[in-house]
Protein backbone atom coordinates (compact mmCIF):
# COMPACT_ATOMS: atom_id res chain seq x y z
CA UNK A 1 -36.20 -17.93 128.38
CA UNK A 2 -35.64 -20.56 125.66
CA UNK A 3 -38.26 -22.70 124.00
CA UNK A 4 -38.21 -26.10 122.36
CA UNK A 5 -38.66 -26.24 118.60
CA UNK A 6 -40.72 -29.39 119.15
CA UNK A 7 -44.18 -27.90 119.57
CA UNK A 8 -47.47 -27.68 117.74
CA UNK A 9 -48.85 -24.46 116.29
CA UNK A 10 -51.94 -22.90 117.85
CA UNK A 11 -53.43 -21.40 114.70
CA UNK A 12 -56.16 -19.56 116.59
CA UNK A 13 -53.46 -17.54 118.37
CA UNK A 14 -51.78 -16.42 115.14
CA UNK A 15 -51.92 -13.35 112.96
CA UNK A 16 -50.22 -14.66 109.84
CA UNK A 17 -48.89 -12.47 107.04
CA UNK A 18 -48.96 -14.20 103.64
CA UNK A 19 -47.28 -12.70 100.58
CA UNK A 20 -48.52 -13.59 97.11
CA UNK A 21 -51.94 -14.14 98.67
CA UNK A 22 -54.23 -13.05 95.84
CA UNK A 23 -54.27 -16.39 94.00
CA UNK A 24 -52.85 -19.90 93.79
CA UNK A 25 -51.08 -21.40 96.79
CA UNK A 26 -51.22 -18.14 98.75
CA UNK A 27 -55.01 -17.83 98.48
CA UNK A 28 -55.51 -21.54 99.20
CA UNK A 29 -53.30 -21.28 102.27
CA UNK A 30 -55.25 -18.26 103.49
CA UNK A 31 -58.44 -20.30 103.30
CA UNK A 32 -56.87 -23.23 105.15
CA UNK A 33 -55.48 -21.05 107.93
CA UNK A 34 -58.68 -19.04 108.30
CA UNK A 35 -60.58 -22.31 108.69
CA UNK A 36 -58.30 -23.07 111.64
CA UNK A 37 -59.00 -19.71 113.22
CA UNK A 38 -55.92 -17.74 112.21
CA UNK A 39 -56.21 -13.99 111.69
CA UNK A 40 -54.50 -12.92 108.48
CA UNK A 41 -52.65 -10.14 106.70
CA UNK A 42 -52.86 -10.73 102.95
CA UNK A 43 -50.24 -9.09 100.74
CA UNK A 44 -50.09 -8.96 96.93
CA UNK A 45 -50.18 -6.43 94.11
CA UNK A 46 -53.82 -6.96 93.08
CA UNK A 47 -55.90 -5.06 95.64
CA UNK A 48 -59.32 -6.07 94.27
CA UNK A 49 -58.53 -9.76 94.51
CA UNK A 50 -57.17 -9.35 98.02
CA UNK A 51 -60.30 -7.53 99.16
CA UNK A 52 -62.57 -10.17 97.62
CA UNK A 53 -60.67 -12.96 99.36
CA UNK A 54 -60.63 -11.06 102.65
CA UNK A 55 -64.40 -10.55 102.52
CA UNK A 56 -64.90 -14.26 101.83
CA UNK A 57 -62.75 -15.31 104.79
CA UNK A 58 -64.32 -12.84 107.20
CA UNK A 59 -67.79 -14.05 106.23
CA UNK A 60 -66.98 -17.77 106.25
CA UNK A 61 -64.76 -18.00 109.33
CA UNK A 62 -65.21 -14.85 111.39
CA UNK A 63 -61.49 -14.07 111.44
CA UNK A 64 -59.80 -10.69 111.23
CA UNK A 65 -58.28 -10.15 107.78
CA UNK A 66 -56.22 -7.14 106.72
CA UNK A 67 -55.01 -6.52 103.17
CA UNK A 68 -51.95 -4.66 101.91
CA UNK A 69 -51.41 -3.97 98.22
CA UNK A 70 -47.65 -3.99 97.61
CA UNK A 71 -45.13 -4.78 94.89
CA UNK A 72 -42.48 -6.74 96.77
CA UNK A 73 -40.14 -6.65 93.79
CA UNK A 74 -39.31 -3.02 94.55
CA UNK A 75 -36.13 -2.24 96.54
CA UNK A 76 -36.81 -1.99 100.26
CA UNK A 77 -40.34 -3.37 99.88
CA UNK A 78 -40.01 -5.60 102.94
CA UNK A 79 -39.07 -2.71 105.18
CA UNK A 80 -41.86 -0.59 103.70
CA UNK A 81 -44.31 -3.42 104.38
CA UNK A 82 -43.19 -3.68 108.00
CA UNK A 83 -43.60 0.09 108.39
CA UNK A 84 -47.16 -0.13 107.05
CA UNK A 85 -47.94 -2.98 109.45
CA UNK A 86 -46.60 -0.88 112.32
CA UNK A 87 -48.61 2.15 111.17
CA UNK A 88 -51.79 0.08 111.36
CA UNK A 89 -50.89 -1.34 114.76
CA UNK A 90 -51.00 -4.97 113.59
CA UNK A 91 -49.12 -7.57 115.65
CA UNK A 92 -47.86 -10.15 113.16
CA UNK A 93 -46.92 -13.46 114.83
CA UNK A 94 -46.28 -15.65 111.76
CA UNK A 95 -45.03 -15.09 108.22
CA UNK A 96 -45.31 -17.02 104.96
CA UNK A 97 -43.11 -15.71 102.13
CA UNK A 98 -45.01 -17.17 99.18
CA UNK A 99 -44.71 -14.48 96.49
CA UNK A 100 -42.50 -15.49 93.61
CA UNK A 101 -41.95 -15.36 89.88
CA UNK A 102 -40.92 -18.12 87.50
CA UNK A 103 -39.34 -18.21 84.08
CA UNK A 104 -38.24 -20.94 81.74
CA UNK A 105 -36.26 -21.01 78.53
CA UNK A 106 -32.57 -20.95 77.66
CA UNK A 107 -30.65 -18.52 79.87
CA UNK A 108 -29.12 -16.74 76.87
CA UNK A 109 -32.61 -16.03 75.50
CA UNK A 110 -33.97 -14.44 78.67
CA UNK A 111 -34.04 -10.65 78.89
CA UNK A 112 -31.83 -9.16 81.61
CA UNK A 113 -34.85 -7.20 82.89
CA UNK A 114 -36.79 -10.45 83.40
CA UNK A 115 -33.89 -11.97 85.31
CA UNK A 116 -33.56 -8.85 87.46
CA UNK A 117 -37.27 -9.07 88.34
CA UNK A 118 -37.01 -12.76 89.17
CA UNK A 119 -34.04 -12.33 91.50
CA UNK A 120 -35.64 -9.26 93.09
CA UNK A 121 -38.83 -11.12 94.05
CA UNK A 122 -37.55 -14.66 94.64
CA UNK A 123 -34.36 -13.77 96.50
CA UNK A 124 -34.05 -10.13 97.56
CA UNK A 125 -37.66 -9.74 98.71
CA UNK A 126 -37.53 -12.97 100.72
CA UNK A 127 -34.45 -11.72 102.54
CA UNK A 128 -35.85 -8.21 103.00
CA UNK A 129 -39.28 -9.29 104.28
CA UNK A 130 -37.77 -11.95 106.54
CA UNK A 131 -35.27 -9.50 108.04
CA UNK A 132 -37.96 -6.86 108.54
CA UNK A 133 -40.17 -9.24 110.55
CA UNK A 134 -37.80 -11.76 112.14
CA UNK A 135 -37.19 -9.94 115.42
CA UNK A 136 -40.89 -9.55 116.15
CA UNK A 137 -41.58 -13.16 115.16
CA UNK A 138 -38.96 -14.39 117.63
CA UNK A 139 -40.39 -12.16 120.35
CA UNK A 140 -43.86 -13.66 119.85
CA UNK A 141 -43.12 -17.28 120.71
CA UNK A 142 -45.37 -19.93 119.21
CA UNK A 143 -45.49 -18.58 115.67
CA UNK A 144 -43.81 -19.68 112.47
CA UNK A 145 -41.77 -18.49 109.51
CA UNK A 146 -42.31 -20.37 106.25
CA UNK A 147 -40.41 -19.50 103.08
CA UNK A 148 -41.83 -21.21 100.01
CA UNK A 149 -39.09 -22.82 97.93
CA UNK A 150 -39.78 -25.42 95.22
CA UNK A 151 -39.00 -28.93 94.08
CA UNK A 152 -36.67 -27.12 91.66
CA UNK A 153 -34.51 -26.10 94.64
CA UNK A 154 -32.92 -29.52 95.00
CA UNK A 155 -30.99 -29.64 91.73
CA UNK A 156 -29.85 -27.42 88.84
CA UNK A 157 -32.37 -27.43 85.99
CA UNK A 158 -31.24 -26.49 82.48
CA UNK A 159 -34.04 -24.47 80.93
CA UNK A 160 -34.94 -23.02 84.35
CA UNK A 161 -31.43 -22.08 85.45
CA UNK A 162 -32.13 -18.85 87.33
CA UNK A 163 -35.48 -19.94 88.76
CA UNK A 164 -34.07 -23.19 90.16
CA UNK A 165 -31.06 -21.35 91.57
CA UNK A 166 -33.30 -18.76 93.23
CA UNK A 167 -35.30 -21.48 94.96
CA UNK A 168 -32.09 -23.24 96.03
CA UNK A 169 -31.19 -19.97 97.72
CA UNK A 170 -34.54 -19.90 99.54
CA UNK A 171 -34.09 -23.49 100.70
CA UNK A 172 -30.55 -23.03 102.02
CA UNK A 173 -31.24 -19.60 103.51
CA UNK A 174 -34.27 -20.86 105.41
CA UNK A 175 -32.64 -24.04 106.66
CA UNK A 176 -29.81 -21.93 108.07
CA UNK A 177 -32.39 -19.72 109.80
CA UNK A 178 -34.01 -22.83 111.29
CA UNK A 179 -30.75 -23.41 113.17
CA UNK A 180 -30.28 -19.73 114.06
CA UNK A 181 -33.79 -19.41 115.51
CA UNK A 182 -33.74 -22.59 117.58
CA UNK A 183 -34.78 -21.93 121.15
CA UNK A 184 -36.66 -18.74 120.25
CA UNK A 185 -40.07 -20.37 120.10
CA UNK A 186 -40.30 -19.65 116.37
CA UNK A 187 -40.87 -22.57 114.02
CA UNK A 188 -38.84 -21.91 110.86
CA UNK A 189 -39.32 -24.01 107.74
CA UNK A 190 -38.69 -24.03 104.01
CA UNK A 191 -41.61 -25.59 102.16
CA UNK A 192 -41.23 -26.99 98.65
CA UNK A 193 -44.24 -27.56 96.40
CA UNK A 194 -43.97 -29.63 93.25
CA UNK A 195 -45.86 -28.96 90.05
CA UNK A 196 -49.00 -27.03 91.00
CA UNK A 197 -51.88 -25.88 88.80
CA UNK A 198 -51.75 -22.12 89.33
CA UNK A 199 -51.60 -18.97 87.21
CA UNK A 200 -47.85 -19.61 87.12
CA UNK A 201 -48.43 -22.41 84.59
CA UNK A 202 -51.38 -20.66 82.94
CA UNK A 203 -48.83 -18.08 81.82
CA UNK A 204 -45.80 -20.21 80.93
CA UNK A 205 -47.72 -23.31 79.82
CA UNK A 206 -47.27 -26.94 80.82
CA UNK A 207 -45.33 -27.94 77.69
CA UNK A 208 -42.14 -29.72 78.72
CA UNK A 209 -43.34 -30.49 82.24
CA UNK A 210 -43.90 -34.13 83.07
CA UNK A 211 -45.48 -35.60 86.18
CA UNK A 212 -48.61 -35.14 88.23
CA UNK A 213 -49.81 -31.66 89.09
CA UNK A 214 -51.29 -30.87 92.50
CA UNK A 215 -54.00 -28.33 93.15
CA UNK A 216 -53.20 -25.23 95.23
CA UNK A 217 -55.44 -26.57 98.00
CA UNK A 218 -53.55 -29.86 98.11
CA UNK A 219 -50.28 -27.95 98.49
CA UNK A 220 -51.76 -25.66 101.15
CA UNK A 221 -53.02 -28.65 103.11
CA UNK A 222 -49.56 -30.27 102.96
CA UNK A 223 -48.02 -27.06 104.30
CA UNK A 224 -50.49 -26.81 107.20
CA UNK A 225 -49.98 -30.49 108.06
CA UNK A 226 -46.21 -29.90 108.11
CA UNK A 227 -46.76 -27.08 110.61
CA UNK A 228 -48.95 -29.37 112.71
CA UNK A 229 -46.17 -31.90 113.24
CA UNK A 230 -44.86 -31.74 116.76
CA UNK A 231 -41.21 -32.06 115.73
CA UNK A 232 -39.88 -29.05 113.85
CA UNK A 233 -37.88 -29.72 110.67
CA UNK A 234 -35.78 -27.27 108.63
CA UNK A 235 -37.74 -28.09 105.48
CA UNK A 236 -40.77 -29.99 104.25
CA UNK A 237 -42.14 -30.97 100.85
CA UNK A 238 -45.61 -31.21 99.35
CA UNK A 239 -44.99 -34.60 97.72
CA UNK A 240 -42.90 -37.58 98.81
CA UNK A 241 -41.50 -37.83 95.29
CA UNK A 242 -39.58 -34.59 95.94
CA UNK A 243 -37.85 -36.19 98.91
CA UNK A 244 -36.97 -39.25 96.83
CA UNK A 245 -35.50 -37.08 94.08
CA UNK A 246 -33.40 -35.07 96.54
CA UNK A 247 -32.03 -38.26 98.10
CA UNK A 248 -31.15 -39.65 94.66
CA UNK A 249 -29.38 -36.44 93.68
CA UNK A 250 -27.35 -36.62 96.87
CA UNK A 251 -26.08 -40.06 95.91
CA UNK A 252 -24.99 -39.10 92.40
CA UNK A 253 -22.02 -37.07 91.24
CA UNK A 254 -22.84 -33.48 90.25
CA UNK A 255 -22.39 -34.38 86.58
CA UNK A 256 -24.61 -37.45 86.78
CA UNK A 257 -27.23 -35.56 88.77
CA UNK A 258 -27.33 -32.81 86.17
CA UNK A 259 -27.65 -35.26 83.29
CA UNK A 260 -30.49 -37.12 85.01
CA UNK A 261 -32.28 -33.91 85.95
CA UNK A 262 -32.02 -32.51 82.42
CA UNK A 263 -33.59 -35.67 81.05
CA UNK A 264 -36.36 -35.95 83.65
CA UNK A 265 -37.19 -32.24 83.50
CA UNK A 266 -37.29 -32.26 79.71
CA UNK A 267 -34.70 -29.51 79.50
CA UNK A 268 -34.45 -29.42 75.67
CA UNK A 269 -38.15 -28.54 75.55
CA UNK A 270 -37.88 -26.02 78.37
CA UNK A 271 -35.01 -24.23 76.64
CA UNK A 272 -37.22 -23.53 73.63
CA UNK A 273 -39.64 -21.58 75.82
CA UNK A 274 -39.37 -17.92 76.78
CA UNK A 275 -42.18 -17.16 79.19
CA UNK A 276 -42.34 -15.59 82.62
CA UNK A 277 -45.06 -15.73 85.27
CA UNK A 278 -45.62 -14.28 88.72
CA UNK A 279 -47.18 -16.30 91.54
């Protein structure tokens, strides 16, 4: 049987696994989904934070919440996570790959170990977790797969070269999966937040970043509203300004786009920074 991708999500019928759920966008999304009746599996490294959030959601919304403490930057972490879910007998119907790490500064100043960790979490883990769960998501029609990209995904950003490239991978990978999973009943979407006030920026600082910041709850609400649209789209954004920027970049030559982006992003300032943060 095939299913249309044009359908709304019944959140009360979902058990949604969220990575990077202990703070920021992940925690805000957990609260939004629990409010709509979704059962949850919360995954992050910090077990105490996960348990505190789980207790809050159980008490406030009466939903079932499981927690799994895991470092998704380790090789094979996605498959290990799926094995743990199977061991507990949990039927996951939806997945949000939200865990990620960011770094800014000149590429030549960044330690190879930092770059390895960034690629491992932002790229390899997204692929590994998605592959580990995709078959079961497609079998349970009516659920969704969301991979969190970034406004940085739509153009190269000097001063955030590897981070922006990693999010471009997430965007393109997920949009391709949107096509591949059509007719399965699974709603697949890349979601791109803009600047968001999270621990990500508490660690690396806001110096060099221009523009309005959103709160994690505002981003989480935008994501849920994107899922609530009847017509499925390969990607969605948290702010309309991201769409405008992507359209503009598509009209410019690669050289012109890069020059504009470097100016708007404040790349000279970013290249003087050397900080890394995990979300």
